[in-house]
Amino acid sequence: MGKKLFVLDTSVIIYDYDAIKNFAEHDIAIPITVLEELDNFKKGNDTKNFAAREFSRFIDKASGEKSLQEWIPIAKNRGSFSIVMHEANSKIDAVKIFGEDKGDHRILNAALYMKSKFSNREVIMVSKDINLRIKAKSLNIIAQDYETGKLNNSELQADTVPSGRSAIDDVPIDVINELYEKKSVPAVDVTKRKLNSNQYFILRNGKKSILSYFNANSQVFTRIEKQNCYGISPKNAEQTFAMHALTNPDVKLVTIQGVAGTGKTLLSLAAALGQHYDYHHIFLARPIVPLSNKDIGYLPGDAATKLNPYMEPLWDNLSYIKNQYSFDNREYLEIEELQKKLKR
């Protein structure tokens, strides 16, 4: 099969400004509307603004003195790229079909134009926008998602993206019993395979199981039990592992990943409060991301007021922990005093 012709949408370039280099020997067509949309993104400090500027720099440098309507080599062992100026010369007009003159529809027209001009080649629209891909397919244009940079299931191995937890089946029942009794057993009694330091395991034999932690320094498996921190107790194995890691002085850095509502912030705060006598400071940090497409500077009020929407999840979790105790309890009063200091 000959060289393919890919038409890139703005969303692909915002997602990966080097995307143009990731199509092997195939050629790339960039609709002029994409350059216009990228121009709107060039100012700012977000990732999308950086991507827009970097892509524009590449186009300018690669083209040199050549016209952008020529086919310009992308790199060694790569195809060429060109800018599509004609976005309404096809017998099919996406703007008229969908009843609105907007960027997406003009980009579709560019793909239709390339398809009619290069009828002997396979023309493929590439977009991160699922609705645009659906519209393209309705116009009989081959449409694909931009997959570069994603990990498929076969790539999600422990060595690539460690989950920090695993399971070992068919562990000898006497080893599990010994772990219950003595709280630790030599690692070689459990498995002969190479283990990651500070990894957590569910050891199983039939219906019997036990939660454990691998200590690389002593080469033993240690039994893990649910522990309560400031009134918060784990609800499942994953939370039990997380709480143990957060309160283990030998583990200096803990990262917790999970969907919303799995207790990441709650467990972290509870573990921090449970150890606050061991440290001088507890730092609470949240990423500052635009709200409603407005940067933090556009939000009303002073610095504390501007930050409050970002910190609200932390305040909510602190209140939840505080309410595990009666109002005259020491822990309740300590958190209440902490809340007053944080909101000053």
C-alpha atoms as a PDB file:
ATOM      1  CA  MET A   1       0.000   0.000   0.000  1.00  0.00           C
ATOM      2  CA  GLY A   2       1.253   3.519  -0.877  1.00  0.00           C
ATOM      3  CA  LYS A   3       1.792   6.473   1.393  1.00  0.00           C
ATOM      4  CA  LYS A   4      -1.271   7.598   3.297  1.00  0.00           C
ATOM      5  CA  LEU A   5      -2.389  11.194   3.670  1.00  0.00           C
ATOM      6  CA  PHE A   6      -3.382  12.267   7.183  1.00  0.00           C
ATOM      7  CA  VAL A   7      -5.387  15.437   7.846  1.00  0.00           C
ATOM      8  CA  LEU A   8      -4.714  16.683  11.397  1.00  0.00           C
ATOM      9  CA  ASP A   9      -7.259  18.465  13.558  1.00  0.00           C
ATOM     10  CA  THR A  10      -6.324  21.239  16.024  1.00  0.00           C
ATOM     11  CA  SER A  11      -7.034  18.929  18.995  1.00  0.00           C
ATOM     12  CA  VAL A  12      -4.226  16.586  17.931  1.00  0.00           C
ATOM     13  CA  ILE A  13      -1.636  19.359  17.919  1.00  0.00           C
ATOM     14  CA  ILE A  14      -2.793  20.714  21.284  1.00  0.00           C
ATOM     15  CA  TYR A  15      -2.521  17.164  22.642  1.00  0.00           C
ATOM     16  CA  ASP A  16       0.950  16.603  21.116  1.00  0.00           C
ATOM     17  CA  TYR A  17       2.753  19.399  19.291  1.00  0.00           C
ATOM     18  CA  ASP A  18       5.188  16.811  17.866  1.00  0.00           C
ATOM     19  CA  ALA A  19       2.345  14.740  16.414  1.00  0.00           C
ATOM     20  CA  ILE A  20       3.313  15.717  12.880  1.00  0.00           C
ATOM     21  CA  LYS A  21       6.521  13.667  13.315  1.00  0.00           C
ATOM     22  CA  ASN A  22       4.724  10.508  14.410  1.00  0.00           C
ATOM     23  CA  PHE A  23       3.206   9.255  11.147  1.00  0.00           C
ATOM     24  CA  ALA A  24       6.240   7.410   9.765  1.00  0.00           C
ATOM     25  CA  GLU A  25       6.667   7.910   6.008  1.00  0.00           C
ATOM     26  CA  HIS A  26       3.125   9.172   5.431  1.00  0.00           C
ATOM     27  CA  ASP A  27       2.236  12.749   4.470  1.00  0.00           C
ATOM     28  CA  ILE A  28       0.421  15.291   6.640  1.00  0.00           C
ATOM     29  CA  ALA A  29      -2.083  17.925   5.561  1.00  0.00           C
ATOM     30  CA  ILE A  30      -2.784  20.834   7.910  1.00  0.00           C
ATOM     31  CA  PRO A  31      -5.981  22.809   7.170  1.00  0.00           C
ATOM     32  CA  ILE A  32      -5.453  26.581   7.287  1.00  0.00           C
ATOM     33  CA  THR A  33      -8.248  26.720   9.880  1.00  0.00           C
ATOM     34  CA  VAL A  34      -6.039  24.712  12.239  1.00  0.00           C
ATOM     35  CA  LEU A  35      -3.347  27.414  12.040  1.00  0.00           C
ATOM     36  CA  GLU A  36      -6.009  30.065  12.696  1.00  0.00           C
ATOM     37  CA  GLU A  37      -7.272  28.193  15.759  1.00  0.00           C
ATOM     38  CA  LEU A  38      -3.746  27.667  17.055  1.00  0.00           C
ATOM     39  CA  ASP A  39      -3.196  31.410  16.781  1.00  0.00           C
ATOM     40  CA  ASN A  40      -5.919  31.861  19.414  1.00  0.00           C
ATOM     41  CA  PHE A  41      -3.992  29.594  21.785  1.00  0.00           C
ATOM     42  CA  LYS A  42      -0.534  31.140  21.427  1.00  0.00           C
ATOM     43  CA  LYS A  43      -0.818  33.478  24.461  1.00  0.00           C
ATOM     44  CA  GLY A  44      -0.818  32.017  27.946  1.00  0.00           C
ATOM     45  CA  ASN A  45       1.090  29.675  30.225  1.00  0.00           C
ATOM     46  CA  ASP A  46      -0.995  26.519  29.933  1.00  0.00           C
ATOM     47  CA  THR A  47       0.217  23.374  28.198  1.00  0.00           C
ATOM     48  CA  LYS A  48      -2.077  24.094  25.237  1.00  0.00           C
ATOM     49  CA  ASN A  49      -0.487  27.535  24.790  1.00  0.00           C
ATOM     50  CA  PHE A  50       3.006  26.037  24.833  1.00  0.00           C
ATOM     51  CA  ALA A  51       1.938  23.379  22.295  1.00  0.00           C
ATOM     52  CA  ALA A  52       0.523  26.009  19.933  1.00  0.00           C
ATOM     53  CA  ARG A  53       3.725  28.058  20.043  1.00  0.00           C
ATOM     54  CA  GLU A  54       6.011  25.046  19.589  1.00  0.00           C
ATOM     55  CA  PHE A  55       4.053  23.769  16.583  1.00  0.00           C
ATOM     56  CA  SER A  56       4.115  27.214  14.956  1.00  0.00           C
ATOM     57  CA  ARG A  57       7.886  27.403  15.472  1.00  0.00           C
ATOM     58  CA  PHE A  58       8.308  24.006  13.831  1.00  0.00           C
ATOM     59  CA  ILE A  59       6.211  25.005  10.789  1.00  0.00           C
ATOM     60  CA  ASP A  60       8.166  28.249  10.395  1.00  0.00           C
ATOM     61  CA  LYS A  61      11.565  26.566  10.720  1.00  0.00           C
ATOM     62  CA  ALA A  62      10.761  23.558   8.517  1.00  0.00           C
ATOM     63  CA  SER A  63       9.279  25.656   5.713  1.00  0.00           C
ATOM     64  CA  GLY A  64      12.174  28.141   5.551  1.00  0.00           C
ATOM     65  CA  GLU A  65      11.848  30.081   2.289  1.00  0.00           C
ATOM     66  CA  LYS A  66       9.368  27.622   0.761  1.00  0.00           C
ATOM     67  CA  SER A  67       5.669  28.189   0.272  1.00  0.00           C
ATOM     68  CA  LEU A  68       3.500  26.314   2.764  1.00  0.00           C
ATOM     69  CA  GLN A  69       1.357  25.121  -0.140  1.00  0.00           C
ATOM     70  CA  GLU A  70       4.317  23.028  -1.298  1.00  0.00           C
ATOM     71  CA  TRP A  71       5.051  19.606   0.187  1.00  0.00           C
ATOM     72  CA  ILE A  72       7.794  20.196   2.755  1.00  0.00           C
ATOM     73  CA  PRO A  73       9.853  17.336   4.261  1.00  0.00           C
ATOM     74  CA  ILE A  74       9.102  16.812   7.960  1.00  0.00           C
ATOM     75  CA  ALA A  75      12.293  14.996   8.959  1.00  0.00           C
ATOM     76  CA  LYS A  76      14.579  12.199   7.856  1.00  0.00           C
ATOM     77  CA  ASN A  77      12.650   8.981   7.156  1.00  0.00           C
ATOM     78  CA  ARG A  78       9.393  10.898   7.523  1.00  0.00           C
ATOM     79  CA  GLY A  79       6.863  12.138   5.011  1.00  0.00           C
ATOM     80  CA  SER A  80       6.059  15.702   3.985  1.00  0.00           C
ATOM     81  CA  PHE A  81       3.493  18.246   5.092  1.00  0.00           C
ATOM     82  CA  SER A  82       1.511  20.979   3.424  1.00  0.00           C
ATOM     83  CA  ILE A  83      -1.093  23.566   4.404  1.00  0.00           C
ATOM     84  CA  VAL A  84      -4.541  23.102   2.851  1.00  0.00           C
ATOM     85  CA  MET A  85      -5.855  26.466   1.705  1.00  0.00           C
ATOM     86  CA  HIS A  86      -8.901  25.159  -0.169  1.00  0.00           C
ATOM     87  CA  GLU A  87     -11.709  24.339   2.236  1.00  0.00           C
ATOM     88  CA  ALA A  88     -14.826  24.730   0.070  1.00  0.00           C
ATOM     89  CA  ASN A  89     -13.947  23.347  -3.356  1.00  0.00           C
ATOM     90  CA  SER A  90     -15.522  19.950  -2.884  1.00  0.00           C
ATOM     91  CA  LYS A  91     -18.858  18.832  -4.274  1.00  0.00           C
ATOM     92  CA  ILE A  92     -19.829  18.149  -0.667  1.00  0.00           C
ATOM     93  CA  ASP A  93     -19.861  21.171   1.654  1.00  0.00           C
ATOM     94  CA  ALA A  94     -19.763  20.300   5.371  1.00  0.00           C
ATOM     95  CA  VAL A  95     -20.687  23.874   6.299  1.00  0.00           C
ATOM     96  CA  LYS A  96     -23.972  23.599   4.383  1.00  0.00           C
ATOM     97  CA  ILE A  97     -24.654  20.019   5.495  1.00  0.00           C
ATOM     98  CA  PHE A  98     -24.253  20.772   9.209  1.00  0.00           C
ATOM     99  CA  GLY A  99     -25.731  24.259   8.909  1.00  0.00           C
ATOM    100  CA  GLU A 100     -22.996  26.204  10.654  1.00  0.00           C
ATOM    101  CA  ASP A 101     -19.805  27.893   9.495  1.00  0.00           C
ATOM    102  CA  LYS A 102     -17.333  26.959  12.192  1.00  0.00           C
ATOM    103  CA  GLY A 103     -13.780  25.634  12.398  1.00  0.00           C
ATOM    104  CA  ASP A 104     -14.654  21.954  12.656  1.00  0.00           C
ATOM    105  CA  HIS A 105     -16.765  22.072   9.502  1.00  0.00           C
ATOM    106  CA  ARG A 106     -14.099  23.939   7.537  1.00  0.00           C
ATOM    107  CA  ILE A 107     -11.556  21.322   8.630  1.00  0.00           C
ATOM    108  CA  LEU A 108     -13.936  18.639   7.342  1.00  0.00           C
ATOM    109  CA  ASN A 109     -14.107  20.498   4.034  1.00  0.00           C
ATOM    110  CA  ALA A 110     -10.309  20.468   3.882  1.00  0.00           C
ATOM    111  CA  ALA A 111     -10.337  16.687   4.308  1.00  0.00           C
ATOM    112  CA  LEU A 112     -13.012  16.391   1.591  1.00  0.00           C
ATOM    113  CA  TYR A 113     -10.898  18.544  -0.714  1.00  0.00           C
ATOM    114  CA  MET A 114      -7.799  16.387  -0.147  1.00  0.00           C
ATOM    115  CA  LYS A 115      -9.859  13.255  -0.720  1.00  0.00           C
ATOM    116  CA  SER A 116     -11.093  14.527  -4.084  1.00  0.00           C
ATOM    117  CA  LYS A 117      -7.681  15.885  -5.135  1.00  0.00           C
ATOM    118  CA  PHE A 118      -5.793  12.702  -4.175  1.00  0.00           C
ATOM    119  CA  SER A 119      -8.407  10.127  -5.125  1.00  0.00           C
ATOM    120  CA  ASN A 120      -5.723   7.452  -5.555  1.00  0.00           C
ATOM    121  CA  ARG A 121      -4.554   7.769  -1.942  1.00  0.00           C
ATOM    122  CA  GLU A 122      -6.081   6.876   1.406  1.00  0.00           C
ATOM    123  CA  VAL A 123      -7.031  10.120   3.159  1.00  0.00           C
ATOM    124  CA  ILE A 124      -7.556   9.869   6.918  1.00  0.00           C
ATOM    125  CA  MET A 125      -8.840  12.501   9.328  1.00  0.00           C
ATOM    126  CA  VAL A 126      -7.094  12.360  12.736  1.00  0.00           C
ATOM    127  CA  SER A 127      -8.780  14.048  15.691  1.00  0.00           C
ATOM    128  CA  LYS A 128      -9.056  13.787  19.461  1.00  0.00           C
ATOM    129  CA  ASP A 129     -12.612  15.151  19.134  1.00  0.00           C
ATOM    130  CA  ILE A 130     -14.995  12.183  19.003  1.00  0.00           C
ATOM    131  CA  ASN A 131     -17.855  14.285  17.601  1.00  0.00           C
ATOM    132  CA  LEU A 132     -15.678  15.542  14.759  1.00  0.00           C
ATOM    133  CA  ARG A 133     -14.665  11.957  13.976  1.00  0.00           C
ATOM    134  CA  ILE A 134     -18.339  10.942  13.861  1.00  0.00           C
ATOM    135  CA  LYS A 135     -19.137  13.830  11.489  1.00  0.00           C
ATOM    136  CA  ALA A 136     -16.177  12.852   9.298  1.00  0.00           C
ATOM    137  CA  LYS A 137     -17.402   9.276   9.061  1.00  0.00           C
ATOM    138  CA  SER A 138     -20.885  10.514   8.136  1.00  0.00           C
ATOM    139  CA  LEU A 139     -19.229  12.236   5.156  1.00  0.00           C
ATOM    140  CA  ASN A 140     -17.476   8.982   4.193  1.00  0.00           C
ATOM    141  CA  ILE A 141     -14.108  10.195   5.469  1.00  0.00           C
ATOM    142  CA  ILE A 142     -11.940   7.687   7.301  1.00  0.00           C
ATOM    143  CA  ALA A 143     -11.459   9.075  10.826  1.00  0.00           C
ATOM    144  CA  GLN A 144      -9.141   7.944  13.616  1.00  0.00           C
ATOM    145  CA  ASP A 145      -8.209   8.959  17.134  1.00  0.00           C
ATOM    146  CA  TYR A 146      -4.608  10.016  17.780  1.00  0.00           C
ATOM    147  CA  GLU A 147      -3.318   7.095  19.846  1.00  0.00           C
ATOM    148  CA  THR A 148       0.373   7.958  20.229  1.00  0.00           C
ATOM    149  CA  GLY A 149       1.284   8.354  23.895  1.00  0.00           C
ATOM    150  CA  LYS A 150      -1.478   6.082  25.189  1.00  0.00           C
ATOM    151  CA  LEU A 151      -0.727   2.849  26.984  1.00  0.00           C
ATOM    152  CA  ASN A 152      -2.745  -0.177  26.005  1.00  0.00           C
ATOM    153  CA  ASN A 153      -3.619  -2.932  28.460  1.00  0.00           C
ATOM    154  CA  SER A 154      -0.714  -5.138  27.403  1.00  0.00           C
ATOM    155  CA  GLU A 155       1.696  -2.294  28.195  1.00  0.00           C
ATOM    156  CA  LEU A 156       0.306  -1.687  31.666  1.00  0.00           C
ATOM    157  CA  GLN A 157       2.719  -4.100  33.328  1.00  0.00           C
ATOM    158  CA  ALA A 158       4.156  -3.630  36.790  1.00  0.00           C
ATOM    159  CA  ASP A 159       7.559  -2.645  35.398  1.00  0.00           C
ATOM    160  CA  THR A 160       5.977   0.114  33.270  1.00  0.00           C
ATOM    161  CA  VAL A 161       3.311   1.573  35.531  1.00  0.00           C
ATOM    162  CA  PRO A 162       3.713   0.064  39.008  1.00  0.00           C
ATOM    163  CA  SER A 163       0.417  -0.127  40.864  1.00  0.00           C
ATOM    164  CA  GLY A 164       2.118  -0.740  44.200  1.00  0.00           C
ATOM    165  CA  ARG A 165      -0.101  -3.723  44.863  1.00  0.00           C
ATOM    166  CA  SER A 166      -0.412  -7.230  43.489  1.00  0.00           C
ATOM    167  CA  ALA A 167      -1.739 -10.681  44.361  1.00  0.00           C
ATOM    168  CA  ILE A 168      -0.002 -14.015  44.751  1.00  0.00           C
ATOM    169  CA  ASP A 169      -2.183 -17.109  44.501  1.00  0.00           C
ATOM    170  CA  ASP A 170      -1.537 -20.625  45.789  1.00  0.00           C
ATOM    171  CA  VAL A 171       0.668 -19.479  48.669  1.00  0.00           C
ATOM    172  CA  PRO A 172       1.228 -22.494  50.998  1.00  0.00           C
ATOM    173  CA  ILE A 173      -1.439 -22.465  53.674  1.00  0.00           C
ATOM    174  CA  ASP A 174       1.134 -22.969  56.423  1.00  0.00           C
ATOM    175  CA  VAL A 175       2.908 -19.792  55.274  1.00  0.00           C
ATOM    176  CA  ILE A 176      -0.340 -17.809  55.532  1.00  0.00           C
ATOM    177  CA  ASN A 177      -1.004 -19.291  58.966  1.00  0.00           C
ATOM    178  CA  GLU A 178       2.520 -18.425  60.077  1.00  0.00           C
ATOM    179  CA  LEU A 179       2.053 -14.866  58.830  1.00  0.00           C
ATOM    180  CA  TYR A 180      -1.101 -14.572  60.949  1.00  0.00           C
ATOM    181  CA  GLU A 181       0.747 -15.875  63.999  1.00  0.00           C
ATOM    182  CA  LYS A 182       4.186 -14.293  63.698  1.00  0.00           C
ATOM    183  CA  LYS A 183       3.257 -11.223  61.588  1.00  0.00           C
ATOM    184  CA  SER A 184       6.211 -11.763  59.227  1.00  0.00           C
ATOM    185  CA  VAL A 185       7.709 -14.565  57.123  1.00  0.00           C
ATOM    186  CA  PRO A 186      10.793 -14.797  54.858  1.00  0.00           C
ATOM    187  CA  ALA A 187      10.046 -13.678  51.297  1.00  0.00           C
ATOM    188  CA  VAL A 188      11.500 -16.894  49.840  1.00  0.00           C
ATOM    189  CA  ASP A 189       8.752 -18.881  51.604  1.00  0.00           C
ATOM    190  CA  VAL A 190       6.123 -16.940  49.672  1.00  0.00           C
ATOM    191  CA  THR A 191       7.566 -16.566  46.177  1.00  0.00           C
ATOM    192  CA  LYS A 192      10.817 -16.893  44.252  1.00  0.00           C
ATOM    193  CA  ARG A 193      10.088 -14.083  41.813  1.00  0.00           C
ATOM    194  CA  LYS A 194      11.775 -10.680  41.930  1.00  0.00           C
ATOM    195  CA  LEU A 195       9.768  -8.148  43.919  1.00  0.00           C
ATOM    196  CA  ASN A 196       9.620  -4.367  43.935  1.00  0.00           C
ATOM    197  CA  SER A 197      10.572  -2.606  47.141  1.00  0.00           C
ATOM    198  CA  ASN A 198       7.627  -1.391  49.249  1.00  0.00           C
ATOM    199  CA  GLN A 199       5.130  -3.420  47.227  1.00  0.00           C
ATOM    200  CA  TYR A 200       1.866  -4.581  48.784  1.00  0.00           C
ATOM    201  CA  PHE A 201       0.360  -8.020  48.223  1.00  0.00           C
ATOM    202  CA  ILE A 202      -2.789 -10.008  48.795  1.00  0.00           C
ATOM    203  CA  LEU A 203      -1.570 -13.530  49.510  1.00  0.00           C
ATOM    204  CA  ARG A 204      -4.162 -16.224  48.765  1.00  0.00           C
ATOM    205  CA  ASN A 205      -4.754 -19.916  49.173  1.00  0.00           C
ATOM    206  CA  GLY A 206      -8.253 -20.878  48.153  1.00  0.00           C
ATOM    207  CA  LYS A 207     -10.694 -18.793  50.204  1.00  0.00           C
ATOM    208  CA  LYS A 208      -8.077 -17.818  52.767  1.00  0.00           C
ATOM    209  CA  SER A 209      -6.129 -14.617  52.188  1.00  0.00           C
ATOM    210  CA  ILE A 210      -4.033 -12.060  54.025  1.00  0.00           C
ATOM    211  CA  LEU A 211      -2.799  -8.531  53.334  1.00  0.00           C
ATOM    212  CA  SER A 212       0.968  -8.103  53.387  1.00  0.00           C
ATOM    213  CA  TYR A 213       3.835  -5.746  52.710  1.00  0.00           C
ATOM    214  CA  PHE A 214       7.212  -6.683  51.217  1.00  0.00           C
ATOM    215  CA  ASN A 215      10.155  -5.207  53.086  1.00  0.00           C
ATOM    216  CA  ALA A 216      13.105  -5.184  50.694  1.00  0.00           C
ATOM    217  CA  ASN A 217      15.669  -4.411  53.386  1.00  0.00           C
ATOM    218  CA  SER A 218      14.878  -7.437  55.527  1.00  0.00           C
ATOM    219  CA  GLN A 219      13.469  -9.571  52.669  1.00  0.00           C
ATOM    220  CA  VAL A 220      10.325 -10.473  54.582  1.00  0.00           C
ATOM    221  CA  PHE A 221       6.581 -10.263  54.089  1.00  0.00           C
ATOM    222  CA  THR A 222       4.873  -8.411  56.945  1.00  0.00           C
ATOM    223  CA  ARG A 223       1.177  -8.750  57.785  1.00  0.00           C
ATOM    224  CA  ILE A 224      -0.863  -5.583  57.276  1.00  0.00           C
ATOM    225  CA  GLU A 225      -3.804  -4.779  59.508  1.00  0.00           C
ATOM    226  CA  LYS A 226      -6.346  -1.988  59.197  1.00  0.00           C
ATOM    227  CA  GLN A 227      -5.323   1.005  61.239  1.00  0.00           C
ATOM    228  CA  ASN A 228      -7.312   4.010  62.385  1.00  0.00           C
ATOM    229  CA  CYS A 229      -5.928   7.498  61.844  1.00  0.00           C
ATOM    230  CA  TYR A 230      -7.844  10.376  63.400  1.00  0.00           C
ATOM    231  CA  GLY A 231     -11.103   8.435  63.284  1.00  0.00           C
ATOM    232  CA  ILE A 232     -10.674   7.285  59.677  1.00  0.00           C
ATOM    233  CA  SER A 233     -10.410   3.548  58.993  1.00  0.00           C
ATOM    234  CA  PRO A 234      -9.749   1.902  55.591  1.00  0.00           C
ATOM    235  CA  LYS A 235     -12.757   0.318  53.878  1.00  0.00           C
ATOM    236  CA  ASN A 236     -10.943  -2.097  51.549  1.00  0.00           C
ATOM    237  CA  ALA A 237      -7.550  -3.618  50.759  1.00  0.00           C
ATOM    238  CA  GLU A 238      -6.420  -0.696  48.599  1.00  0.00           C
ATOM    239  CA  GLN A 239      -7.186   1.853  51.310  1.00  0.00           C
ATOM    240  CA  THR A 240      -5.486  -0.369  53.893  1.00  0.00           C
ATOM    241  CA  PHE A 241      -2.344  -0.457  51.756  1.00  0.00           C
ATOM    242  CA  ALA A 242      -2.485   3.319  51.216  1.00  0.00           C
ATOM    243  CA  MET A 243      -2.866   4.039  54.934  1.00  0.00           C
ATOM    244  CA  HIS A 244       0.061   1.762  55.772  1.00  0.00           C
ATOM    245  CA  ALA A 245       2.292   3.442  53.181  1.00  0.00           C
ATOM    246  CA  LEU A 246       1.293   6.919  54.376  1.00  0.00           C
ATOM    247  CA  THR A 247       2.156   6.090  57.978  1.00  0.00           C
ATOM    248  CA  ASN A 248       5.281   4.040  57.277  1.00  0.00           C
ATOM    249  CA  PRO A 249       8.350   6.159  58.196  1.00  0.00           C
ATOM    250  CA  ASP A 250      10.520   4.061  55.868  1.00  0.00           C
ATOM    251  CA  VAL A 251       8.480   5.173  52.842  1.00  0.00           C
ATOM    252  CA  LYS A 252       9.480   8.769  52.095  1.00  0.00           C
ATOM    253  CA  LEU A 253       7.204   9.474  49.134  1.00  0.00           C
ATOM    254  CA  VAL A 254       3.736   8.056  48.444  1.00  0.00           C
ATOM    255  CA  THR A 255       1.665   8.629  45.309  1.00  0.00           C
ATOM    256  CA  ILE A 256      -1.977   7.527  45.259  1.00  0.00           C
ATOM    257  CA  GLN A 257      -3.952   7.153  42.068  1.00  0.00           C
ATOM    258  CA  GLY A 258      -7.658   6.487  41.779  1.00  0.00           C
ATOM    259  CA  VAL A 259     -10.940   7.820  40.451  1.00  0.00           C
ATOM    260  CA  ALA A 260     -12.885  10.502  42.325  1.00  0.00           C
ATOM    261  CA  GLY A 261     -14.423   9.324  45.571  1.00  0.00           C
ATOM    262  CA  THR A 262     -11.906   6.592  46.427  1.00  0.00           C
ATOM    263  CA  GLY A 263     -10.642   8.436  49.505  1.00  0.00           C
ATOM    264  CA  LYS A 264      -7.259   9.708  48.312  1.00  0.00           C
ATOM    265  CA  THR A 265      -7.515  13.127  49.970  1.00  0.00           C
ATOM    266  CA  LEU A 266      -9.307  11.832  53.067  1.00  0.00           C
ATOM    267  CA  LEU A 267      -6.726   9.125  53.774  1.00  0.00           C
ATOM    268  CA  SER A 268      -3.819  11.489  53.146  1.00  0.00           C
ATOM    269  CA  LEU A 269      -5.185  14.138  55.510  1.00  0.00           C
ATOM    270  CA  ALA A 270      -6.040  11.603  58.207  1.00  0.00           C
ATOM    271  CA  ALA A 271      -2.569  10.051  57.995  1.00  0.00           C
ATOM    272  CA  ALA A 272      -0.934  13.484  58.148  1.00  0.00           C
ATOM    273  CA  LEU A 273      -2.975  14.481  61.203  1.00  0.00           C
ATOM    274  CA  GLY A 274      -2.184  11.168  62.845  1.00  0.00           C
ATOM    275  CA  GLN A 275       1.544  11.950  62.583  1.00  0.00           C
ATOM    276  CA  HIS A 276       1.503  15.702  63.154  1.00  0.00           C
ATOM    277  CA  TYR A 277       3.514  15.391  66.369  1.00  0.00           C
ATOM    278  CA  ASP A 278       6.374  13.831  64.360  1.00  0.00           C
ATOM    279  CA  TYR A 279       6.760  16.729  61.911  1.00  0.00           C
ATOM    280  CA  HIS A 280       7.160  20.498  62.044  1.00  0.00           C
ATOM    281  CA  HIS A 281       4.762  21.261  59.194  1.00  0.00           C
ATOM    282  CA  ILE A 282       1.937  19.747  57.159  1.00  0.00           C
ATOM    283  CA  PHE A 283       1.660  21.264  53.688  1.00  0.00           C
ATOM    284  CA  LEU A 284      -1.650  21.119  51.823  1.00  0.00           C
ATOM    285  CA  ALA A 285      -1.320  21.810  48.102  1.00  0.00           C
ATOM    286  CA  ARG A 286      -3.736  21.832  45.195  1.00  0.00           C
ATOM    287  CA  PRO A 287      -2.991  22.471  41.485  1.00  0.00           C
ATOM    288  CA  ILE A 288      -4.090  25.898  40.298  1.00  0.00           C
ATOM    289  CA  VAL A 289      -6.048  25.256  37.122  1.00  0.00           C
ATOM    290  CA  PRO A 290      -8.383  27.698  35.331  1.00  0.00           C
ATOM    291  CA  LEU A 291     -11.995  27.674  36.513  1.00  0.00           C
ATOM    292  CA  SER A 292     -14.654  28.376  33.867  1.00  0.00           C
ATOM    293  CA  ASN A 293     -11.818  29.201  31.423  1.00  0.00           C
ATOM    294  CA  LYS A 294     -10.631  32.018  33.717  1.00  0.00           C
ATOM    295  CA  ASP A 295      -7.196  32.136  35.305  1.00  0.00           C
ATOM    296  CA  ILE A 296      -6.938  32.668  39.051  1.00  0.00           C
ATOM    297  CA  GLY A 297      -6.195  36.366  38.579  1.00  0.00           C
ATOM    298  CA  TYR A 298      -9.669  36.948  37.146  1.00  0.00           C
ATOM    299  CA  LEU A 299     -11.425  35.523  40.217  1.00  0.00           C
ATOM    300  CA  PRO A 300     -12.862  38.140  42.618  1.00  0.00           C
ATOM    301  CA  GLY A 301     -11.505  38.942  46.061  1.00  0.00           C
ATOM    302  CA  ASP A 302      -8.135  38.823  47.781  1.00  0.00           C
ATOM    303  CA  ALA A 303      -5.625  35.960  47.572  1.00  0.00           C
ATOM    304  CA  ALA A 304      -7.403  33.860  50.209  1.00  0.00           C
ATOM    305  CA  THR A 305     -10.775  34.299  48.482  1.00  0.00           C
ATOM    306  CA  LYS A 306      -9.305  33.430  45.097  1.00  0.00           C
ATOM    307  CA  LEU A 307      -7.771  30.232  46.472  1.00  0.00           C
ATOM    308  CA  ASN A 308     -10.846  29.097  48.387  1.00  0.00           C
ATOM    309  CA  PRO A 309     -12.552  27.268  45.433  1.00  0.00           C
ATOM    310  CA  TYR A 310      -9.389  25.198  44.927  1.00  0.00           C
ATOM    311  CA  MET A 311      -9.066  24.372  48.632  1.00  0.00           C
ATOM    312  CA  GLU A 312     -12.722  23.510  49.225  1.00  0.00           C
ATOM    313  CA  PRO A 313     -12.189  19.712  48.900  1.00  0.00           C
ATOM    314  CA  LEU A 314      -9.525  19.913  51.613  1.00  0.00           C
ATOM    315  CA  TRP A 315     -11.806  21.914  53.933  1.00  0.00           C
ATOM    316  CA  ASP A 316     -14.615  19.398  53.366  1.00  0.00           C
ATOM    317  CA  ASN A 317     -12.390  16.459  54.243  1.00  0.00           C
ATOM    318  CA  LEU A 318     -11.036  18.194  57.332  1.00  0.00           C
ATOM    319  CA  SER A 319     -14.596  18.810  58.494  1.00  0.00           C
ATOM    320  CA  TYR A 320     -15.472  15.170  57.886  1.00  0.00           C
ATOM    321  CA  ILE A 321     -12.506  14.012  59.989  1.00  0.00           C
ATOM    322  CA  LYS A 322     -13.355  16.507  62.739  1.00  0.00           C
ATOM    323  CA  ASN A 323     -16.933  15.256  62.902  1.00  0.00           C
ATOM    324  CA  GLN A 324     -15.738  11.751  63.751  1.00  0.00           C
ATOM    325  CA  TYR A 325     -15.292  13.127  67.282  1.00  0.00           C
ATOM    326  CA  SER A 326     -17.529  14.881  69.796  1.00  0.00           C
ATOM    327  CA  PHE A 327     -17.151  18.663  70.049  1.00  0.00           C
ATOM    328  CA  ASP A 328     -15.297  18.474  73.388  1.00  0.00           C
ATOM    329  CA  ASN A 329     -12.793  15.855  72.207  1.00  0.00           C
ATOM    330  CA  ARG A 330      -9.108  16.838  71.898  1.00  0.00           C
ATOM    331  CA  GLU A 331      -8.883  15.808  68.235  1.00  0.00           C
ATOM    332  CA  TYR A 332     -12.028  17.823  67.403  1.00  0.00           C
ATOM    333  CA  LEU A 333     -10.596  20.942  69.040  1.00  0.00           C
ATOM    334  CA  GLU A 334      -7.197  20.504  67.356  1.00  0.00           C
ATOM    335  CA  ILE A 335      -8.739  20.302  63.876  1.00  0.00           C
ATOM    336  CA  GLU A 336     -11.037  23.245  64.590  1.00  0.00           C
ATOM    337  CA  GLU A 337      -8.045  25.347  65.587  1.00  0.00           C
ATOM    338  CA  LEU A 338      -6.207  24.175  62.457  1.00  0.00           C
ATOM    339  CA  GLN A 339      -9.155  25.216  60.269  1.00  0.00           C
ATOM    340  CA  LYS A 340      -9.175  28.677  61.803  1.00  0.00           C
ATOM    341  CA  LYS A 341      -5.455  29.121  61.083  1.00  0.00           C
ATOM    342  CA  LEU A 342      -5.766  27.871  57.506  1.00  0.00           C
ATOM    343  CA  LYS A 343      -8.625  30.237  56.645  1.00  0.00           C
ATOM    344  CA  ARG A 344      -7.086  33.369  58.116  1.00  0.00           C
END
